[in-house]
Amino acid sequence: MIGGEAERALRARAGELDEMLARLDRDEESIRVDRADATADDEHDPEGSTLSGEWQRVEALRRAARAERADVDAALQRVADGSYGVCASCGRPIPPARLEARPMATLCVACAQRA
């Protein structure tokens, strides 16, 4: 997966991540509204998770999505500058199968195993 095909796949993933981040922003706003209602956050309700727990879950998902989005952006930059598919450690080509499985990979299989 080199060049145009990689760029299309990376841009598609970037779009998915942008949608996920927008959804998580909406979820966070909903939690904020619920927290403003003093009766909505019953910390002792055995039937469900607390709003604090939900807030933590949303924030963890947001951090992971932002990190992956940064990886996608870095991979797109490598496509643009011609270094996509080249191992950042040894300079050898990254096998196409690895790039298909991990489009944001920066290391070939051998270097990744050593890391």
N, C-alpha and C. Protein backbone atom coordinates (compact mmCIF):
# COMPACT_ATOMS: atom_id res chain seq x y z
N MET A 1 0.86 -1.17 0.00
CA MET A 1 0.00 0.00 0.00
C MET A 1 0.91 1.24 0.00
N ILE A 2 1.22 1.72 -1.18
CA ILE A 2 2.11 2.86 -1.31
C ILE A 2 1.39 3.95 -2.10
N GLY A 3 1.80 5.18 -1.86
CA GLY A 3 1.32 6.31 -2.66
C GLY A 3 -0.15 6.60 -2.51
N GLY A 4 -0.83 6.66 -3.66
CA GLY A 4 -2.23 7.07 -3.69
C GLY A 4 -3.16 6.19 -2.87
N GLU A 5 -2.94 4.88 -2.95
CA GLU A 5 -3.79 3.96 -2.20
C GLU A 5 -3.63 4.20 -0.69
N ALA A 6 -2.39 4.38 -0.25
CA ALA A 6 -2.13 4.65 1.17
C ALA A 6 -2.76 5.97 1.58
N GLU A 7 -2.61 6.96 0.74
CA GLU A 7 -3.18 8.26 1.09
C GLU A 7 -4.69 8.19 1.22
N ARG A 8 -5.34 7.47 0.29
CA ARG A 8 -6.81 7.33 0.37
C ARG A 8 -7.21 6.62 1.66
N ALA A 9 -6.51 5.54 2.00
CA ALA A 9 -6.83 4.81 3.23
C ALA A 9 -6.60 5.68 4.47
N LEU A 10 -5.52 6.42 4.47
CA LEU A 10 -5.22 7.28 5.62
C LEU A 10 -6.24 8.41 5.74
N ARG A 11 -6.62 9.01 4.61
CA ARG A 11 -7.63 10.08 4.66
C ARG A 11 -8.98 9.53 5.12
N ALA A 12 -9.31 8.32 4.70
CA ALA A 12 -10.56 7.71 5.16
C ALA A 12 -10.53 7.49 6.67
N ARG A 13 -9.41 7.01 7.18
CA ARG A 13 -9.28 6.80 8.63
C ARG A 13 -9.34 8.13 9.36
N ALA A 14 -8.72 9.16 8.79
CA ALA A 14 -8.77 10.49 9.42
C ALA A 14 -10.21 10.96 9.52
N GLY A 15 -11.00 10.72 8.48
CA GLY A 15 -12.42 11.10 8.52
C GLY A 15 -13.18 10.35 9.59
N GLU A 16 -12.90 9.05 9.71
CA GLU A 16 -13.55 8.25 10.76
C GLU A 16 -13.19 8.78 12.14
N LEU A 17 -11.93 9.11 12.32
CA LEU A 17 -11.49 9.62 13.63
C LEU A 17 -12.11 10.98 13.92
N ASP A 18 -12.21 11.83 12.91
CA ASP A 18 -12.85 13.14 13.09
C ASP A 18 -14.31 12.97 13.51
N GLU A 19 -15.00 12.01 12.88
CA GLU A 19 -16.39 11.74 13.26
C GLU A 19 -16.47 11.23 14.69
N MET A 20 -15.55 10.34 15.06
CA MET A 20 -15.53 9.81 16.42
C MET A 20 -15.28 10.92 17.43
N LEU A 21 -14.34 11.80 17.13
CA LEU A 21 -14.05 12.90 18.04
C LEU A 21 -15.25 13.84 18.19
N ALA A 22 -15.95 14.09 17.09
CA ALA A 22 -17.15 14.93 17.17
C ALA A 22 -18.22 14.25 18.03
N ARG A 23 -18.38 12.94 17.87
CA ARG A 23 -19.35 12.19 18.68
C ARG A 23 -18.96 12.22 20.16
N LEU A 24 -17.67 12.08 20.45
CA LEU A 24 -17.21 12.12 21.83
C LEU A 24 -17.40 13.52 22.42
N ASP A 25 -17.23 14.56 21.61
CA ASP A 25 -17.50 15.92 22.09
C ASP A 25 -18.98 16.06 22.47
N ARG A 26 -19.86 15.48 21.64
CA ARG A 26 -21.30 15.54 21.95
C ARG A 26 -21.59 14.75 23.23
N ASP A 27 -20.96 13.60 23.37
CA ASP A 27 -21.15 12.80 24.59
C ASP A 27 -20.71 13.58 25.82
N GLU A 28 -19.56 14.24 25.71
CA GLU A 28 -19.06 15.01 26.84
C GLU A 28 -20.03 16.15 27.19
N GLU A 29 -20.55 16.80 26.17
CA GLU A 29 -21.51 17.89 26.43
C GLU A 29 -22.75 17.35 27.13
N SER A 30 -23.20 16.18 26.72
CA SER A 30 -24.36 15.56 27.37
C SER A 30 -24.06 15.25 28.83
N ILE A 31 -22.87 14.79 29.11
CA ILE A 31 -22.47 14.51 30.50
C ILE A 31 -22.43 15.80 31.29
N ARG A 32 -21.92 16.86 30.67
CA ARG A 32 -21.89 18.16 31.37
C ARG A 32 -23.29 18.62 31.75
N VAL A 33 -24.22 18.44 30.83
CA VAL A 33 -25.61 18.83 31.10
C VAL A 33 -26.16 17.98 32.24
N ASP A 34 -25.91 16.67 32.18
CA ASP A 34 -26.40 15.78 33.24
C ASP A 34 -25.78 16.12 34.59
N ARG A 35 -24.50 16.50 34.58
CA ARG A 35 -23.83 16.84 35.85
C ARG A 35 -24.40 18.11 36.45
N ALA A 36 -24.90 18.98 35.59
CA ALA A 36 -25.49 20.23 36.08
C ALA A 36 -26.78 19.94 36.85
N ASP A 37 -27.43 18.84 36.52
CA ASP A 37 -28.64 18.42 37.22
C ASP A 37 -28.20 17.59 38.42
N ALA A 38 -28.30 18.15 39.59
CA ALA A 38 -27.78 17.53 40.81
C ALA A 38 -28.35 16.14 41.05
N THR A 39 -29.56 15.86 40.59
CA THR A 39 -30.17 14.57 40.85
C THR A 39 -29.73 13.51 39.84
N ALA A 40 -29.09 13.92 38.76
CA ALA A 40 -28.74 12.96 37.72
C ALA A 40 -27.49 12.14 38.06
N ASP A 41 -26.66 12.63 38.92
CA ASP A 41 -25.41 11.93 39.21
C ASP A 41 -25.48 11.25 40.57
N ASP A 42 -26.17 10.15 40.61
CA ASP A 42 -26.30 9.39 41.85
C ASP A 42 -25.12 8.44 41.96
N GLU A 43 -24.10 8.83 42.70
CA GLU A 43 -22.88 8.04 42.83
C GLU A 43 -23.13 6.68 43.49
N HIS A 44 -24.28 6.50 44.09
CA HIS A 44 -24.54 5.26 44.82
C HIS A 44 -25.56 4.38 44.10
N ASP A 45 -25.83 4.67 42.84
CA ASP A 45 -26.79 3.89 42.07
C ASP A 45 -26.15 2.59 41.60
N PRO A 46 -26.57 1.46 42.15
CA PRO A 46 -25.96 0.18 41.75
C PRO A 46 -26.39 -0.27 40.36
N GLU A 47 -27.36 0.41 39.78
CA GLU A 47 -27.89 0.00 38.48
C GLU A 47 -27.06 0.49 37.30
N GLY A 48 -26.22 1.47 37.49
CA GLY A 48 -25.51 1.99 36.33
C GLY A 48 -24.21 2.67 36.71
N SER A 49 -23.48 3.05 35.67
CA SER A 49 -22.22 3.73 35.93
C SER A 49 -22.48 5.17 36.34
N THR A 50 -21.55 5.73 37.03
CA THR A 50 -21.69 7.11 37.46
C THR A 50 -21.30 8.03 36.32
N LEU A 51 -21.73 9.27 36.41
CA LEU A 51 -21.34 10.25 35.40
C LEU A 51 -19.85 10.47 35.41
N SER A 52 -19.25 10.39 36.58
CA SER A 52 -17.79 10.54 36.65
C SER A 52 -17.10 9.42 35.89
N GLY A 53 -17.61 8.21 36.02
CA GLY A 53 -17.06 7.08 35.29
C GLY A 53 -17.24 7.23 33.80
N GLU A 54 -18.41 7.71 33.39
CA GLU A 54 -18.66 7.95 31.97
C GLU A 54 -17.73 9.03 31.44
N TRP A 55 -17.54 10.07 32.23
CA TRP A 55 -16.66 11.17 31.82
C TRP A 55 -15.24 10.62 31.58
N GLN A 56 -14.77 9.80 32.49
CA GLN A 56 -13.44 9.20 32.35
C GLN A 56 -13.35 8.33 31.11
N ARG A 57 -14.39 7.56 30.85
CA ARG A 57 -14.41 6.69 29.67
C ARG A 57 -14.35 7.52 28.39
N VAL A 58 -15.16 8.57 28.32
CA VAL A 58 -15.18 9.44 27.14
C VAL A 58 -13.82 10.10 26.96
N GLU A 59 -13.23 10.57 28.05
CA GLU A 59 -11.93 11.23 27.95
C GLU A 59 -10.84 10.26 27.50
N ALA A 60 -10.87 9.03 27.98
CA ALA A 60 -9.88 8.03 27.55
C ALA A 60 -10.04 7.72 26.06
N LEU A 61 -11.27 7.59 25.59
CA LEU A 61 -11.51 7.36 24.16
C LEU A 61 -11.04 8.55 23.34
N ARG A 62 -11.27 9.75 23.85
CA ARG A 62 -10.85 10.96 23.13
C ARG A 62 -9.32 11.02 23.03
N ARG A 63 -8.62 10.72 24.13
CA ARG A 63 -7.15 10.73 24.09
C ARG A 63 -6.63 9.73 23.07
N ALA A 64 -7.20 8.54 23.04
CA ALA A 64 -6.77 7.51 22.09
C ALA A 64 -7.05 7.94 20.65
N ALA A 65 -8.20 8.53 20.42
CA ALA A 65 -8.54 8.98 19.06
C ALA A 65 -7.64 10.12 18.62
N ARG A 66 -7.34 11.04 19.52
CA ARG A 66 -6.43 12.14 19.17
C ARG A 66 -5.03 11.62 18.86
N ALA A 67 -4.57 10.65 19.63
CA ALA A 67 -3.24 10.08 19.39
C ALA A 67 -3.20 9.38 18.03
N GLU A 68 -4.24 8.61 17.73
CA GLU A 68 -4.28 7.94 16.43
C GLU A 68 -4.39 8.97 15.30
N ARG A 69 -5.15 10.04 15.53
CA ARG A 69 -5.28 11.09 14.50
C ARG A 69 -3.92 11.73 14.24
N ALA A 70 -3.13 11.94 15.27
CA ALA A 70 -1.79 12.50 15.11
C ALA A 70 -0.92 11.53 14.32
N ASP A 71 -1.06 10.22 14.57
CA ASP A 71 -0.31 9.22 13.81
C ASP A 71 -0.72 9.24 12.34
N VAL A 72 -2.00 9.40 12.08
CA VAL A 72 -2.48 9.48 10.70
C VAL A 72 -1.91 10.72 10.01
N ASP A 73 -1.95 11.84 10.71
CA ASP A 73 -1.39 13.08 10.14
C ASP A 73 0.09 12.92 9.81
N ALA A 74 0.82 12.27 10.70
CA ALA A 74 2.26 12.05 10.47
C ALA A 74 2.46 11.14 9.26
N ALA A 75 1.63 10.10 9.13
CA ALA A 75 1.73 9.21 7.97
C ALA A 75 1.40 9.95 6.68
N LEU A 76 0.40 10.81 6.71
CA LEU A 76 0.07 11.61 5.53
C LEU A 76 1.22 12.53 5.16
N GLN A 77 1.91 13.06 6.15
CA GLN A 77 3.07 13.90 5.88
C GLN A 77 4.18 13.07 5.22
N ARG A 78 4.35 11.82 5.68
CA ARG A 78 5.35 10.96 5.06
C ARG A 78 4.98 10.64 3.61
N VAL A 79 3.67 10.46 3.34
CA VAL A 79 3.23 10.25 1.96
C VAL A 79 3.61 11.47 1.13
N ALA A 80 3.32 12.66 1.66
CA ALA A 80 3.58 13.90 0.94
C ALA A 80 5.07 14.12 0.67
N ASP A 81 5.91 13.76 1.63
CA ASP A 81 7.35 14.04 1.44
C ASP A 81 8.11 12.85 0.84
N GLY A 82 7.38 11.77 0.54
CA GLY A 82 8.00 10.64 -0.13
C GLY A 82 8.68 9.63 0.78
N SER A 83 8.55 9.80 2.08
CA SER A 83 9.21 8.86 3.00
C SER A 83 8.26 7.79 3.53
N TYR A 84 7.02 7.78 3.07
CA TYR A 84 6.07 6.76 3.52
C TYR A 84 6.54 5.40 3.02
N GLY A 85 6.48 4.41 3.90
CA GLY A 85 6.86 3.06 3.52
C GLY A 85 8.34 2.78 3.69
N VAL A 86 9.07 3.73 4.26
CA VAL A 86 10.50 3.57 4.50
C VAL A 86 10.70 3.49 6.01
N CYS A 87 11.40 2.47 6.47
CA CYS A 87 11.63 2.28 7.90
C CYS A 87 12.41 3.47 8.46
N ALA A 88 11.90 4.04 9.53
CA ALA A 88 12.54 5.19 10.17
C ALA A 88 13.83 4.79 10.88
N SER A 89 14.03 3.50 11.12
CA SER A 89 15.22 3.05 11.83
C SER A 89 16.34 2.62 10.88
N CYS A 90 16.01 1.70 9.95
CA CYS A 90 17.06 1.14 9.10
C CYS A 90 17.05 1.67 7.67
N GLY A 91 15.96 2.34 7.28
CA GLY A 91 15.88 2.91 5.93
C GLY A 91 15.44 1.93 4.86
N ARG A 92 15.18 0.68 5.23
CA ARG A 92 14.69 -0.30 4.25
C ARG A 92 13.19 -0.12 4.05
N PRO A 93 12.67 -0.63 2.93
CA PRO A 93 11.22 -0.55 2.71
C PRO A 93 10.44 -1.35 3.76
N ILE A 94 9.32 -0.80 4.14
CA ILE A 94 8.40 -1.51 5.03
C ILE A 94 7.54 -2.40 4.12
N PRO A 95 7.43 -3.69 4.42
CA PRO A 95 6.65 -4.58 3.55
C PRO A 95 5.21 -4.09 3.35
N PRO A 96 4.71 -4.19 2.13
CA PRO A 96 3.34 -3.75 1.85
C PRO A 96 2.29 -4.40 2.76
N ALA A 97 2.49 -5.67 3.11
CA ALA A 97 1.52 -6.34 3.99
C ALA A 97 1.48 -5.67 5.36
N ARG A 98 2.63 -5.23 5.84
CA ARG A 98 2.66 -4.52 7.14
C ARG A 98 1.93 -3.19 7.02
N LEU A 99 2.17 -2.48 5.94
CA LEU A 99 1.51 -1.18 5.74
C LEU A 99 0.00 -1.35 5.57
N GLU A 100 -0.40 -2.48 4.97
CA GLU A 100 -1.83 -2.72 4.83
C GLU A 100 -2.46 -2.96 6.20
N ALA A 101 -1.75 -3.72 7.04
CA ALA A 101 -2.26 -4.01 8.38
C ALA A 101 -2.12 -2.82 9.33
N ARG A 102 -1.03 -2.07 9.19
CA ARG A 102 -0.74 -0.94 10.06
C ARG A 102 -0.31 0.25 9.19
N PRO A 103 -1.26 0.96 8.59
CA PRO A 103 -0.92 2.02 7.65
C PRO A 103 -0.07 3.15 8.24
N MET A 104 -0.06 3.28 9.55
CA MET A 104 0.74 4.34 10.17
C MET A 104 2.11 3.84 10.62
N ALA A 105 2.47 2.60 10.25
CA ALA A 105 3.74 2.01 10.69
C ALA A 105 4.92 2.87 10.24
N THR A 106 5.89 3.02 11.13
CA THR A 106 7.11 3.76 10.81
C THR A 106 8.33 2.85 10.79
N LEU A 107 8.13 1.60 11.23
CA LEU A 107 9.25 0.65 11.31
C LEU A 107 8.92 -0.61 10.51
N CYS A 108 9.96 -1.19 9.91
CA CYS A 108 9.80 -2.49 9.26
C CYS A 108 9.59 -3.53 10.36
N VAL A 109 9.26 -4.74 9.96
CA VAL A 109 8.96 -5.80 10.93
C VAL A 109 10.18 -6.07 11.82
N ALA A 110 11.36 -6.20 11.21
CA ALA A 110 12.56 -6.51 12.01
C ALA A 110 12.84 -5.43 13.04
N CYS A 111 12.77 -4.17 12.64
CA CYS A 111 13.03 -3.08 13.60
C CYS A 111 11.95 -2.99 14.65
N ALA A 112 10.70 -3.25 14.27
CA ALA A 112 9.59 -3.21 15.23
C ALA A 112 9.76 -4.31 16.27
N GLN A 113 10.28 -5.46 15.87
CA GLN A 113 10.48 -6.56 16.82
C GLN A 113 11.58 -6.23 17.82
N ARG A 114 12.55 -5.43 17.39
CA ARG A 114 13.64 -5.04 18.30
C ARG A 114 13.21 -3.93 19.25
N ALA A 115 12.24 -3.16 18.83
CA ALA A 115 11.82 -1.99 19.65
C ALA A 115 11.07 -2.38 20.89
